[in-house]
Amino acid sequence: MAHIITDACIACGACQPECPVGCISEGDIYVIDQDQCIDCGACAAVCPTGAAQPEA
């Protein structure tokens, strides 16, 4: 199961350098490529708003 970034994202960029597979890209908010995500949770651990979450 991959992680997602919700609308709570403030586009701070904290998550992007933490991703070991480089699947987070910047847009209006950050986006996780679901096909590349390895579900490690590194992004969720550093997200100040809790926007990076496991996909439900």
Protein backbone atom coordinates (compact mmCIF):
# COMPACT_ATOMS: atom_id res chain seq x y z
CA MET A 1 0.00 0.00 0.00
CA ALA A 2 1.46 3.37 -1.00
CA HIS A 3 1.38 6.68 0.82
CA ILE A 4 -0.57 9.71 -0.38
CA ILE A 5 -0.32 13.44 0.31
CA THR A 6 -3.61 15.04 1.30
CA ASP A 7 -4.90 18.59 0.87
CA ALA A 8 -3.35 19.41 4.26
CA CYS A 9 -0.03 19.78 2.40
CA ILE A 10 1.49 23.25 2.76
CA ALA A 11 4.14 22.57 0.08
CA CYS A 12 7.00 23.03 2.56
CA GLY A 13 9.16 20.43 0.80
CA ALA A 14 10.21 18.52 3.93
CA CYS A 15 9.09 15.18 2.49
CA GLN A 16 10.79 15.25 -0.89
CA PRO A 17 14.44 14.81 0.19
CA GLU A 18 13.47 12.06 2.64
CA CYS A 19 12.03 9.74 -0.02
CA PRO A 20 14.60 6.98 -0.71
CA VAL A 21 13.14 6.21 -4.15
CA GLY A 22 12.48 9.78 -5.31
CA CYS A 23 8.78 9.33 -5.93
CA ILE A 24 7.64 12.69 -4.51
CA SER A 25 7.28 15.59 -6.93
CA GLU A 26 6.31 19.21 -6.49
CA GLY A 27 3.13 20.71 -7.87
CA ASP A 28 0.52 22.92 -6.22
CA ILE A 29 1.01 20.45 -3.39
CA TYR A 30 3.47 17.59 -3.32
CA VAL A 31 2.42 14.35 -5.01
CA ILE A 32 3.57 10.76 -4.50
CA ASP A 33 3.89 8.48 -7.53
CA GLN A 34 1.85 5.50 -6.37
CA ASP A 35 3.67 3.09 -8.70
CA GLN A 36 7.09 3.95 -7.24
CA CYS A 37 6.21 4.36 -3.55
CA ILE A 38 7.66 1.58 -1.37
CA ASP A 39 5.52 2.48 1.66
CA CYS A 40 8.51 3.23 3.89
CA GLY A 41 6.82 6.12 5.75
CA ALA A 42 9.83 8.44 5.62
CA CYS A 43 7.67 11.23 4.21
CA ALA A 44 5.05 10.84 6.94
CA ALA A 45 7.71 10.99 9.65
CA VAL A 46 8.82 14.50 8.62
CA CYS A 47 5.54 16.05 7.47
CA PRO A 48 4.68 18.95 9.82
CA THR A 49 0.95 18.87 8.99
CA GLY A 50 0.38 15.12 8.79
CA ALA A 51 -0.50 15.40 5.09
CA ALA A 52 1.61 12.37 4.12
CA GLN A 53 -0.39 9.32 5.12
CA PRO A 54 -0.78 5.65 4.22
CA GLU A 55 -3.40 5.25 1.50
CA ALA A 56 -6.67 4.07 3.03
